[in-house]
mmCIF file of all heavy atoms, coordinates in Angstrom:
data_MODEL
# 
_entry.id   MODEL 
# 
loop_
_atom_site.group_PDB 
_atom_site.id 
_atom_site.type_symbol 
_atom_site.label_atom_id 
_atom_site.label_alt_id 
_atom_site.label_comp_id 
_atom_site.label_asym_id 
_atom_site.label_entity_id 
_atom_site.label_seq_id 
_atom_site.pdbx_PDB_ins_code 
_atom_site.Cartn_x 
_atom_site.Cartn_y 
_atom_site.Cartn_z 
_atom_site.occupancy 
_atom_site.B_iso_or_equiv 
_atom_site.pdbx_formal_charge 
_atom_site.auth_seq_id 
_atom_site.auth_comp_id 
_atom_site.auth_asym_id 
_atom_site.auth_atom_id 
_atom_site.pdbx_PDB_model_num 
ATOM 1   N N   . ARG A 1 1  ? -17.663 10.208 -48.905 1.00 0.00 ? 1  ARG A N   1 
ATOM 2   C CA  . ARG A 1 1  ? -16.304 9.675  -49.366 1.00 0.00 ? 1  ARG A CA  1 
ATOM 3   C C   . ARG A 1 1  ? -15.854 10.160 -50.762 1.00 0.00 ? 1  ARG A C   1 
ATOM 4   O O   . ARG A 1 1  ? -14.905 9.934  -51.300 1.00 0.00 ? 1  ARG A O   1 
ATOM 5   C CB  . ARG A 1 1  ? -16.453 8.184  -49.440 1.00 0.00 ? 1  ARG A CB  1 
ATOM 6   C CG  . ARG A 1 1  ? -16.578 7.595  -48.065 1.00 0.00 ? 1  ARG A CG  1 
ATOM 7   C CD  . ARG A 1 1  ? -16.780 6.099  -48.001 1.00 0.00 ? 1  ARG A CD  1 
ATOM 8   N NE  . ARG A 1 1  ? -15.658 5.455  -48.652 1.00 0.00 ? 1  ARG A NE  1 
ATOM 9   C CZ  . ARG A 1 1  ? -15.629 4.286  -49.232 1.00 0.00 ? 1  ARG A CZ  1 
ATOM 10  N NH1 . ARG A 1 1  ? -16.722 3.554  -49.262 1.00 0.00 ? 1  ARG A NH1 1 
ATOM 11  N NH2 . ARG A 1 1  ? -14.541 3.733  -49.871 1.00 0.00 ? 1  ARG A NH2 1 
ATOM 12  N N   . ALA A 1 2  ? -16.944 11.011 -51.431 1.00 0.00 ? 2  ALA A N   1 
ATOM 13  C CA  . ALA A 1 2  ? -16.593 11.512 -52.777 1.00 0.00 ? 2  ALA A CA  1 
ATOM 14  C C   . ALA A 1 2  ? -17.417 12.853 -52.989 1.00 0.00 ? 2  ALA A C   1 
ATOM 15  O O   . ALA A 1 2  ? -18.469 13.041 -52.342 1.00 0.00 ? 2  ALA A O   1 
ATOM 16  C CB  . ALA A 1 2  ? -16.986 10.574 -53.889 1.00 0.00 ? 2  ALA A CB  1 
ATOM 17  N N   . PHE A 1 3  ? -16.860 13.715 -53.590 1.00 0.00 ? 3  PHE A N   1 
ATOM 18  C CA  . PHE A 1 3  ? -17.565 14.953 -54.021 1.00 0.00 ? 3  PHE A CA  1 
ATOM 19  C C   . PHE A 1 3  ? -17.234 15.314 -55.475 1.00 0.00 ? 3  PHE A C   1 
ATOM 20  O O   . PHE A 1 3  ? -16.042 14.949 -55.921 1.00 0.00 ? 3  PHE A O   1 
ATOM 21  C CB  . PHE A 1 3  ? -17.388 16.068 -52.967 1.00 0.00 ? 3  PHE A CB  1 
ATOM 22  C CG  . PHE A 1 3  ? -15.835 16.644 -53.043 1.00 0.00 ? 3  PHE A CG  1 
ATOM 23  C CD1 . PHE A 1 3  ? -15.481 17.707 -53.896 1.00 0.00 ? 3  PHE A CD1 1 
ATOM 24  C CD2 . PHE A 1 3  ? -14.862 16.050 -52.267 1.00 0.00 ? 3  PHE A CD2 1 
ATOM 25  C CE1 . PHE A 1 3  ? -14.198 18.132 -53.791 1.00 0.00 ? 3  PHE A CE1 1 
ATOM 26  C CE2 . PHE A 1 3  ? -13.617 16.356 -52.218 1.00 0.00 ? 3  PHE A CE2 1 
ATOM 27  C CZ  . PHE A 1 3  ? -13.218 17.473 -53.126 1.00 0.00 ? 3  PHE A CZ  1 
ATOM 28  N N   . ARG A 1 4  ? -18.097 16.167 -56.078 1.00 0.00 ? 4  ARG A N   1 
ATOM 29  C CA  . ARG A 1 4  ? -17.749 16.521 -57.399 1.00 0.00 ? 4  ARG A CA  1 
ATOM 30  C C   . ARG A 1 4  ? -17.147 17.940 -57.368 1.00 0.00 ? 4  ARG A C   1 
ATOM 31  O O   . ARG A 1 4  ? -17.707 18.837 -56.836 1.00 0.00 ? 4  ARG A O   1 
ATOM 32  C CB  . ARG A 1 4  ? -19.147 16.679 -58.277 1.00 0.00 ? 4  ARG A CB  1 
ATOM 33  C CG  . ARG A 1 4  ? -18.838 16.879 -59.788 1.00 0.00 ? 4  ARG A CG  1 
ATOM 34  C CD  . ARG A 1 4  ? -20.068 16.863 -60.479 1.00 0.00 ? 4  ARG A CD  1 
ATOM 35  N NE  . ARG A 1 4  ? -20.879 18.086 -60.337 1.00 0.00 ? 4  ARG A NE  1 
ATOM 36  C CZ  . ARG A 1 4  ? -22.188 18.191 -60.574 1.00 0.00 ? 4  ARG A CZ  1 
ATOM 37  N NH1 . ARG A 1 4  ? -22.884 17.204 -61.049 1.00 0.00 ? 4  ARG A NH1 1 
ATOM 38  N NH2 . ARG A 1 4  ? -22.895 19.326 -60.363 1.00 0.00 ? 4  ARG A NH2 1 
ATOM 39  N N   . GLY A 1 5  ? -15.870 17.951 -57.766 1.00 0.00 ? 5  GLY A N   1 
ATOM 40  C CA  . GLY A 1 5  ? -15.131 19.154 -57.757 1.00 0.00 ? 5  GLY A CA  1 
ATOM 41  C C   . GLY A 1 5  ? -15.102 19.824 -59.129 1.00 0.00 ? 5  GLY A C   1 
ATOM 42  O O   . GLY A 1 5  ? -15.863 19.441 -60.052 1.00 0.00 ? 5  GLY A O   1 
ATOM 43  N N   . SER A 1 6  ? -14.311 20.920 -59.208 1.00 0.00 ? 6  SER A N   1 
ATOM 44  C CA  . SER A 1 6  ? -14.233 21.540 -60.513 1.00 0.00 ? 6  SER A CA  1 
ATOM 45  C C   . SER A 1 6  ? -12.848 21.258 -61.185 1.00 0.00 ? 6  SER A C   1 
ATOM 46  O O   . SER A 1 6  ? -11.905 21.087 -60.453 1.00 0.00 ? 6  SER A O   1 
ATOM 47  C CB  . SER A 1 6  ? -14.282 23.171 -60.314 1.00 0.00 ? 6  SER A CB  1 
ATOM 48  O OG  . SER A 1 6  ? -15.487 23.463 -59.730 1.00 0.00 ? 6  SER A OG  1 
ATOM 49  N N   . PRO A 1 7  ? -12.829 21.238 -62.468 1.00 0.00 ? 7  PRO A N   1 
ATOM 50  C CA  . PRO A 1 7  ? -11.541 20.947 -63.120 1.00 0.00 ? 7  PRO A CA  1 
ATOM 51  C C   . PRO A 1 7  ? -10.503 22.141 -62.990 1.00 0.00 ? 7  PRO A C   1 
ATOM 52  O O   . PRO A 1 7  ? -10.974 23.162 -62.810 1.00 0.00 ? 7  PRO A O   1 
ATOM 53  C CB  . PRO A 1 7  ? -11.911 20.667 -64.556 1.00 0.00 ? 7  PRO A CB  1 
ATOM 54  C CG  . PRO A 1 7  ? -13.196 21.524 -64.722 1.00 0.00 ? 7  PRO A CG  1 
ATOM 55  C CD  . PRO A 1 7  ? -13.869 21.449 -63.409 1.00 0.00 ? 7  PRO A CD  1 
ATOM 56  N N   . PRO A 1 8  ? -9.243  21.877 -62.998 1.00 0.00 ? 8  PRO A N   1 
ATOM 57  C CA  . PRO A 1 8  ? -8.286  22.880 -62.944 1.00 0.00 ? 8  PRO A CA  1 
ATOM 58  C C   . PRO A 1 8  ? -8.467  23.832 -64.183 1.00 0.00 ? 8  PRO A C   1 
ATOM 59  O O   . PRO A 1 8  ? -8.912  23.372 -65.253 1.00 0.00 ? 8  PRO A O   1 
ATOM 60  C CB  . PRO A 1 8  ? -6.902  22.198 -62.934 1.00 0.00 ? 8  PRO A CB  1 
ATOM 61  C CG  . PRO A 1 8  ? -7.265  20.912 -63.517 1.00 0.00 ? 8  PRO A CG  1 
ATOM 62  C CD  . PRO A 1 8  ? -8.614  20.410 -63.203 1.00 0.00 ? 8  PRO A CD  1 
ATOM 63  N N   . PRO A 1 9  ? -8.167  25.108 -64.055 1.00 0.00 ? 9  PRO A N   1 
ATOM 64  C CA  . PRO A 1 9  ? -8.322  25.923 -65.170 1.00 0.00 ? 9  PRO A CA  1 
ATOM 65  C C   . PRO A 1 9  ? -7.379  25.618 -66.325 1.00 0.00 ? 9  PRO A C   1 
ATOM 66  O O   . PRO A 1 9  ? -6.195  25.384 -66.019 1.00 0.00 ? 9  PRO A O   1 
ATOM 67  C CB  . PRO A 1 9  ? -7.945  27.331 -64.628 1.00 0.00 ? 9  PRO A CB  1 
ATOM 68  C CG  . PRO A 1 9  ? -7.203  27.134 -63.396 1.00 0.00 ? 9  PRO A CG  1 
ATOM 69  C CD  . PRO A 1 9  ? -7.695  25.906 -62.848 1.00 0.00 ? 9  PRO A CD  1 
ATOM 70  N N   . PRO A 1 10 ? -7.816  25.445 -67.566 1.00 0.00 ? 10 PRO A N   1 
ATOM 71  C CA  . PRO A 1 10 ? -6.891  24.959 -68.772 1.00 0.00 ? 10 PRO A CA  1 
ATOM 72  C C   . PRO A 1 10 ? -5.918  26.053 -68.959 1.00 0.00 ? 10 PRO A C   1 
ATOM 73  O O   . PRO A 1 10 ? -6.189  27.309 -69.047 1.00 0.00 ? 10 PRO A O   1 
ATOM 74  C CB  . PRO A 1 10 ? -8.008  24.818 -69.768 1.00 0.00 ? 10 PRO A CB  1 
ATOM 75  C CG  . PRO A 1 10 ? -9.180  25.621 -69.515 1.00 0.00 ? 10 PRO A CG  1 
ATOM 76  C CD  . PRO A 1 10 ? -9.208  25.803 -67.979 1.00 0.00 ? 10 PRO A CD  1 
ATOM 77  N N   . PHE A 1 11 ? -4.803  25.510 -69.352 1.00 0.00 ? 11 PHE A N   1 
ATOM 78  C CA  . PHE A 1 11 ? -3.669  26.356 -69.850 1.00 0.00 ? 11 PHE A CA  1 
ATOM 79  C C   . PHE A 1 11 ? -3.274  27.500 -68.960 1.00 0.00 ? 11 PHE A C   1 
ATOM 80  O O   . PHE A 1 11 ? -2.999  28.637 -69.405 1.00 0.00 ? 11 PHE A O   1 
ATOM 81  C CB  . PHE A 1 11 ? -3.974  26.933 -71.249 1.00 0.00 ? 11 PHE A CB  1 
ATOM 82  C CG  . PHE A 1 11 ? -4.547  25.909 -72.201 1.00 0.00 ? 11 PHE A CG  1 
ATOM 83  C CD1 . PHE A 1 11 ? -5.888  25.835 -72.521 1.00 0.00 ? 11 PHE A CD1 1 
ATOM 84  C CD2 . PHE A 1 11 ? -3.693  24.792 -72.541 1.00 0.00 ? 11 PHE A CD2 1 
ATOM 85  C CE1 . PHE A 1 11 ? -6.382  24.811 -73.402 1.00 0.00 ? 11 PHE A CE1 1 
ATOM 86  C CE2 . PHE A 1 11 ? -4.186  23.886 -73.419 1.00 0.00 ? 11 PHE A CE2 1 
ATOM 87  C CZ  . PHE A 1 11 ? -5.567  23.820 -73.863 1.00 0.00 ? 11 PHE A CZ  1 
ATOM 88  N N   . ALA A 1 12 ? -3.382  27.335 -67.643 1.00 0.00 ? 12 ALA A N   1 
ATOM 89  C CA  . ALA A 1 12 ? -3.037  28.284 -66.566 1.00 0.00 ? 12 ALA A CA  1 
ATOM 90  C C   . ALA A 1 12 ? -1.638  28.622 -66.752 1.00 0.00 ? 12 ALA A C   1 
ATOM 91  O O   . ALA A 1 12 ? -0.745  27.898 -67.027 1.00 0.00 ? 12 ALA A O   1 
ATOM 92  C CB  . ALA A 1 12 ? -3.370  27.836 -65.233 1.00 0.00 ? 12 ALA A CB  1 
ATOM 93  N N   . GLY A 1 13 ? -1.254  29.907 -66.552 1.00 0.00 ? 13 GLY A N   1 
ATOM 94  C CA  . GLY A 1 13 ? 0.071   30.440 -66.690 1.00 0.00 ? 13 GLY A CA  1 
ATOM 95  C C   . GLY A 1 13 ? 0.502   30.992 -67.987 1.00 0.00 ? 13 GLY A C   1 
ATOM 96  O O   . GLY A 1 13 ? 1.544   31.587 -68.263 1.00 0.00 ? 13 GLY A O   1 
ATOM 97  N N   . LEU A 1 14 ? -0.262  30.684 -69.103 1.00 0.00 ? 14 LEU A N   1 
ATOM 98  C CA  . LEU A 1 14 ? 0.033   31.254 -70.381 1.00 0.00 ? 14 LEU A CA  1 
ATOM 99  C C   . LEU A 1 14 ? -0.560  32.482 -70.497 1.00 0.00 ? 14 LEU A C   1 
ATOM 100 O O   . LEU A 1 14 ? -1.503  32.891 -69.969 1.00 0.00 ? 14 LEU A O   1 
ATOM 101 C CB  . LEU A 1 14 ? -0.632  30.269 -71.433 1.00 0.00 ? 14 LEU A CB  1 
ATOM 102 C CG  . LEU A 1 14 ? -0.085  28.851 -71.602 1.00 0.00 ? 14 LEU A CG  1 
ATOM 103 C CD1 . LEU A 1 14 ? -0.833  28.005 -72.657 1.00 0.00 ? 14 LEU A CD1 1 
ATOM 104 C CD2 . LEU A 1 14 ? 1.436   28.752 -71.943 1.00 0.00 ? 14 LEU A CD2 1 
ATOM 105 N N   . PRO A 1 15 ? 0.039   33.292 -71.438 1.00 0.00 ? 15 PRO A N   1 
ATOM 106 C CA  . PRO A 1 15 ? -0.511  34.649 -71.709 1.00 0.00 ? 15 PRO A CA  1 
ATOM 107 C C   . PRO A 1 15 ? -1.986  34.528 -72.259 1.00 0.00 ? 15 PRO A C   1 
ATOM 108 O O   . PRO A 1 15 ? -2.351  33.415 -72.861 1.00 0.00 ? 15 PRO A O   1 
ATOM 109 C CB  . PRO A 1 15 ? 0.414   35.192 -72.845 1.00 0.00 ? 15 PRO A CB  1 
ATOM 110 C CG  . PRO A 1 15 ? 1.782   34.450 -72.672 1.00 0.00 ? 15 PRO A CG  1 
ATOM 111 C CD  . PRO A 1 15 ? 1.376   33.102 -72.137 1.00 0.00 ? 15 PRO A CD  1 
ATOM 112 N N   . SER A 1 16 ? -2.698  35.613 -72.123 1.00 0.00 ? 16 SER A N   1 
ATOM 113 C CA  . SER A 1 16 ? -4.118  35.547 -72.546 1.00 0.00 ? 16 SER A CA  1 
ATOM 114 C C   . SER A 1 16 ? -4.375  35.057 -73.979 1.00 0.00 ? 16 SER A C   1 
ATOM 115 O O   . SER A 1 16 ? -5.203  34.261 -74.187 1.00 0.00 ? 16 SER A O   1 
ATOM 116 C CB  . SER A 1 16 ? -4.760  36.871 -72.269 1.00 0.00 ? 16 SER A CB  1 
ATOM 117 O OG  . SER A 1 16 ? -6.068  36.978 -72.780 1.00 0.00 ? 16 SER A OG  1 
ATOM 118 N N   . TRP A 1 17 ? -3.580  35.606 -74.837 1.00 0.00 ? 17 TRP A N   1 
ATOM 119 C CA  . TRP A 1 17 ? -3.846  35.159 -76.261 1.00 0.00 ? 17 TRP A CA  1 
ATOM 120 C C   . TRP A 1 17 ? -3.483  33.755 -76.576 1.00 0.00 ? 17 TRP A C   1 
ATOM 121 O O   . TRP A 1 17 ? -4.263  33.092 -77.291 1.00 0.00 ? 17 TRP A O   1 
ATOM 122 C CB  . TRP A 1 17 ? -2.940  36.083 -77.238 1.00 0.00 ? 17 TRP A CB  1 
ATOM 123 C CG  . TRP A 1 17 ? -1.420  35.847 -77.135 1.00 0.00 ? 17 TRP A CG  1 
ATOM 124 C CD1 . TRP A 1 17 ? -0.487  36.415 -76.368 1.00 0.00 ? 17 TRP A CD1 1 
ATOM 125 C CD2 . TRP A 1 17 ? -0.752  34.894 -77.982 1.00 0.00 ? 17 TRP A CD2 1 
ATOM 126 N NE1 . TRP A 1 17 ? 0.722   35.917 -76.517 1.00 0.00 ? 17 TRP A NE1 1 
ATOM 127 C CE2 . TRP A 1 17 ? 0.593   35.050 -77.634 1.00 0.00 ? 17 TRP A CE2 1 
ATOM 128 C CE3 . TRP A 1 17 ? -1.106  33.967 -78.976 1.00 0.00 ? 17 TRP A CE3 1 
ATOM 129 C CZ2 . TRP A 1 17 ? 1.630   34.221 -78.188 1.00 0.00 ? 17 TRP A CZ2 1 
ATOM 130 C CZ3 . TRP A 1 17 ? -0.163  33.288 -79.513 1.00 0.00 ? 17 TRP A CZ3 1 
ATOM 131 C CH2 . TRP A 1 17 ? 1.176   33.314 -79.197 1.00 0.00 ? 17 TRP A CH2 1 
ATOM 132 N N   . GLN A 1 18 ? -2.544  33.239 -75.751 1.00 0.00 ? 18 GLN A N   1 
ATOM 133 C CA  . GLN A 1 18 ? -2.179  31.869 -76.006 1.00 0.00 ? 18 GLN A CA  1 
ATOM 134 C C   . GLN A 1 18 ? -3.310  30.953 -75.402 1.00 0.00 ? 18 GLN A C   1 
ATOM 135 O O   . GLN A 1 18 ? -3.582  29.917 -75.921 1.00 0.00 ? 18 GLN A O   1 
ATOM 136 C CB  . GLN A 1 18 ? -0.855  31.506 -75.317 1.00 0.00 ? 18 GLN A CB  1 
ATOM 137 C CG  . GLN A 1 18 ? 0.335   32.049 -76.140 1.00 0.00 ? 18 GLN A CG  1 
ATOM 138 C CD  . GLN A 1 18 ? 1.652   31.531 -75.618 1.00 0.00 ? 18 GLN A CD  1 
ATOM 139 O OE1 . GLN A 1 18 ? 1.815   31.116 -74.389 1.00 0.00 ? 18 GLN A OE1 1 
ATOM 140 N NE2 . GLN A 1 18 ? 2.692   31.589 -76.314 1.00 0.00 ? 18 GLN A NE2 1 
ATOM 141 N N   . ARG A 1 19 ? -3.901  31.309 -74.250 1.00 0.00 ? 19 ARG A N   1 
ATOM 142 C CA  . ARG A 1 19 ? -4.915  30.550 -73.665 1.00 0.00 ? 19 ARG A CA  1 
ATOM 143 C C   . ARG A 1 19 ? -6.088  30.600 -74.651 1.00 0.00 ? 19 ARG A C   1 
ATOM 144 O O   . ARG A 1 19 ? -6.731  29.538 -74.799 1.00 0.00 ? 19 ARG A O   1 
ATOM 145 C CB  . ARG A 1 19 ? -5.333  31.226 -72.268 1.00 0.00 ? 19 ARG A CB  1 
ATOM 146 C CG  . ARG A 1 19 ? -4.393  31.036 -71.169 1.00 0.00 ? 19 ARG A CG  1 
ATOM 147 C CD  . ARG A 1 19 ? -5.021  31.162 -69.726 1.00 0.00 ? 19 ARG A CD  1 
ATOM 148 N NE  . ARG A 1 19 ? -5.736  32.547 -69.739 1.00 0.00 ? 19 ARG A NE  1 
ATOM 149 C CZ  . ARG A 1 19 ? -5.154  33.637 -69.289 1.00 0.00 ? 19 ARG A CZ  1 
ATOM 150 N NH1 . ARG A 1 19 ? -3.859  33.623 -68.965 1.00 0.00 ? 19 ARG A NH1 1 
ATOM 151 N NH2 . ARG A 1 19 ? -5.823  34.741 -69.172 1.00 0.00 ? 19 ARG A NH2 1 
ATOM 152 N N   . LYS A 1 20 ? -6.421  31.643 -75.170 1.00 0.00 ? 20 LYS A N   1 
ATOM 153 C CA  . LYS A 1 20 ? -7.629  31.685 -76.097 1.00 0.00 ? 20 LYS A CA  1 
ATOM 154 C C   . LYS A 1 20 ? -7.303  30.787 -77.316 1.00 0.00 ? 20 LYS A C   1 
ATOM 155 O O   . LYS A 1 20 ? -8.125  30.049 -77.695 1.00 0.00 ? 20 LYS A O   1 
ATOM 156 C CB  . LYS A 1 20 ? -7.828  33.165 -76.548 1.00 0.00 ? 20 LYS A CB  1 
ATOM 157 C CG  . LYS A 1 20 ? -8.501  33.963 -75.617 1.00 0.00 ? 20 LYS A CG  1 
ATOM 158 C CD  . LYS A 1 20 ? -8.500  35.409 -76.019 1.00 0.00 ? 20 LYS A CD  1 
ATOM 159 C CE  . LYS A 1 20 ? -9.120  36.325 -74.957 1.00 0.00 ? 20 LYS A CE  1 
ATOM 160 N NZ  . LYS A 1 20 ? -9.232  37.798 -75.395 1.00 0.00 ? 20 LYS A NZ  1 
ATOM 161 N N   . LEU A 1 21 ? -6.007  30.832 -77.974 1.00 0.00 ? 21 LEU A N   1 
ATOM 162 C CA  . LEU A 1 21 ? -5.667  29.952 -78.995 1.00 0.00 ? 21 LEU A CA  1 
ATOM 163 C C   . LEU A 1 21 ? -5.797  28.478 -78.636 1.00 0.00 ? 21 LEU A C   1 
ATOM 164 O O   . LEU A 1 21 ? -6.424  27.766 -79.354 1.00 0.00 ? 21 LEU A O   1 
ATOM 165 C CB  . LEU A 1 21 ? -4.319  30.326 -79.445 1.00 0.00 ? 21 LEU A CB  1 
ATOM 166 C CG  . LEU A 1 21 ? -3.712  29.547 -80.572 1.00 0.00 ? 21 LEU A CG  1 
ATOM 167 C CD1 . LEU A 1 21 ? -4.559  29.646 -81.930 1.00 0.00 ? 21 LEU A CD1 1 
ATOM 168 C CD2 . LEU A 1 21 ? -2.342  29.898 -80.821 1.00 0.00 ? 21 LEU A CD2 1 
ATOM 169 N N   . MET A 1 22 ? -5.160  28.174 -77.492 1.00 0.00 ? 22 MET A N   1 
ATOM 170 C CA  . MET A 1 22 ? -5.102  26.764 -77.094 1.00 0.00 ? 22 MET A CA  1 
ATOM 171 C C   . MET A 1 22 ? -6.581  26.246 -76.836 1.00 0.00 ? 22 MET A C   1 
ATOM 172 O O   . MET A 1 22 ? -6.975  25.078 -77.024 1.00 0.00 ? 22 MET A O   1 
ATOM 173 C CB  . MET A 1 22 ? -4.213  26.623 -75.841 1.00 0.00 ? 22 MET A CB  1 
ATOM 174 C CG  . MET A 1 22 ? -2.653  26.786 -76.283 1.00 0.00 ? 22 MET A CG  1 
ATOM 175 S SD  . MET A 1 22 ? -2.136  25.646 -77.513 1.00 0.00 ? 22 MET A SD  1 
ATOM 176 C CE  . MET A 1 22 ? -2.425  24.111 -76.830 1.00 0.00 ? 22 MET A CE  1 
ATOM 177 N N   . THR A 1 23 ? -7.387  27.146 -76.217 1.00 0.00 ? 23 THR A N   1 
ATOM 178 C CA  . THR A 1 23 ? -8.794  26.719 -75.929 1.00 0.00 ? 23 THR A CA  1 
ATOM 179 C C   . THR A 1 23 ? -9.504  26.562 -77.245 1.00 0.00 ? 23 THR A C   1 
ATOM 180 O O   . THR A 1 23 ? -10.236 25.436 -77.312 1.00 0.00 ? 23 THR A O   1 
ATOM 181 C CB  . THR A 1 23 ? -9.570  27.863 -75.174 1.00 0.00 ? 23 THR A CB  1 
ATOM 182 O OG1 . THR A 1 23 ? -8.882  28.024 -73.886 1.00 0.00 ? 23 THR A OG1 1 
ATOM 183 C CG2 . THR A 1 23 ? -10.943 27.450 -74.877 1.00 0.00 ? 23 THR A CG2 1 
ATOM 184 N N   . THR A 1 24 ? -9.300  27.280 -78.291 1.00 0.00 ? 24 THR A N   1 
ATOM 185 C CA  . THR A 1 24 ? -9.938  27.083 -79.518 1.00 0.00 ? 24 THR A CA  1 
ATOM 186 C C   . THR A 1 24 ? -9.425  25.615 -80.110 1.00 0.00 ? 24 THR A C   1 
ATOM 187 O O   . THR A 1 24 ? -10.299 24.856 -80.601 1.00 0.00 ? 24 THR A O   1 
ATOM 188 C CB  . THR A 1 24 ? -9.583  28.243 -80.511 1.00 0.00 ? 24 THR A CB  1 
ATOM 189 O OG1 . THR A 1 24 ? -10.197 29.415 -79.978 1.00 0.00 ? 24 THR A OG1 1 
ATOM 190 C CG2 . THR A 1 24 ? -10.240 27.965 -81.879 1.00 0.00 ? 24 THR A CG2 1 
ATOM 191 N N   . VAL A 1 25 ? -8.271  25.437 -80.078 1.00 0.00 ? 25 VAL A N   1 
ATOM 192 C CA  . VAL A 1 25 ? -7.741  24.227 -80.653 1.00 0.00 ? 25 VAL A CA  1 
ATOM 193 C C   . VAL A 1 25 ? -8.217  23.053 -79.816 1.00 0.00 ? 25 VAL A C   1 
ATOM 194 O O   . VAL A 1 25 ? -8.580  22.054 -80.380 1.00 0.00 ? 25 VAL A O   1 
ATOM 195 C CB  . VAL A 1 25 ? -6.076  24.275 -80.470 1.00 0.00 ? 25 VAL A CB  1 
ATOM 196 C CG1 . VAL A 1 25 ? -5.507  22.810 -80.787 1.00 0.00 ? 25 VAL A CG1 1 
ATOM 197 C CG2 . VAL A 1 25 ? -5.434  25.268 -81.371 1.00 0.00 ? 25 VAL A CG2 1 
ATOM 198 N N   . ASP A 1 26 ? -8.269  23.210 -78.476 1.00 0.00 ? 26 ASP A N   1 
ATOM 199 C CA  . ASP A 1 26 ? -8.813  22.070 -77.656 1.00 0.00 ? 26 ASP A CA  1 
ATOM 200 C C   . ASP A 1 26 ? -10.322 21.789 -78.012 1.00 0.00 ? 26 ASP A C   1 
ATOM 201 O O   . ASP A 1 26 ? -10.686 20.668 -77.780 1.00 0.00 ? 26 ASP A O   1 
ATOM 202 C CB  . ASP A 1 26 ? -8.675  22.544 -76.122 1.00 0.00 ? 26 ASP A CB  1 
ATOM 203 C CG  . ASP A 1 26 ? -8.799  21.252 -75.187 1.00 0.00 ? 26 ASP A CG  1 
ATOM 204 O OD1 . ASP A 1 26 ? -8.029  20.462 -75.147 1.00 0.00 ? 26 ASP A OD1 1 
ATOM 205 O OD2 . ASP A 1 26 ? -9.864  21.351 -74.558 1.00 0.00 ? 26 ASP A OD2 1 
ATOM 206 N N   . HIS A 1 27 ? -11.180 22.745 -78.316 1.00 0.00 ? 27 HIS A N   1 
ATOM 207 C CA  . HIS A 1 27 ? -12.465 22.434 -78.649 1.00 0.00 ? 27 HIS A CA  1 
ATOM 208 C C   . HIS A 1 27 ? -12.523 21.630 -79.939 1.00 0.00 ? 27 HIS A C   1 
ATOM 209 O O   . HIS A 1 27 ? -13.402 20.764 -80.135 1.00 0.00 ? 27 HIS A O   1 
ATOM 210 C CB  . HIS A 1 27 ? -13.225 23.748 -78.999 1.00 0.00 ? 27 HIS A CB  1 
ATOM 211 C CG  . HIS A 1 27 ? -13.615 24.421 -77.602 1.00 0.00 ? 27 HIS A CG  1 
ATOM 212 N ND1 . HIS A 1 27 ? -14.435 23.735 -76.628 1.00 0.00 ? 27 HIS A ND1 1 
ATOM 213 C CD2 . HIS A 1 27 ? -13.543 25.679 -77.249 1.00 0.00 ? 27 HIS A CD2 1 
ATOM 214 C CE1 . HIS A 1 27 ? -14.696 24.562 -75.703 1.00 0.00 ? 27 HIS A CE1 1 
ATOM 215 N NE2 . HIS A 1 27 ? -14.179 25.815 -76.143 1.00 0.00 ? 27 HIS A NE2 1 
# 
């Protein structure tokens, strides 16, 4: 009735440099 899945990729759809920037901010 339950399974452990994976989280959606963060900041999908953003350009690569924005994903890296937002990932740093998110940390």
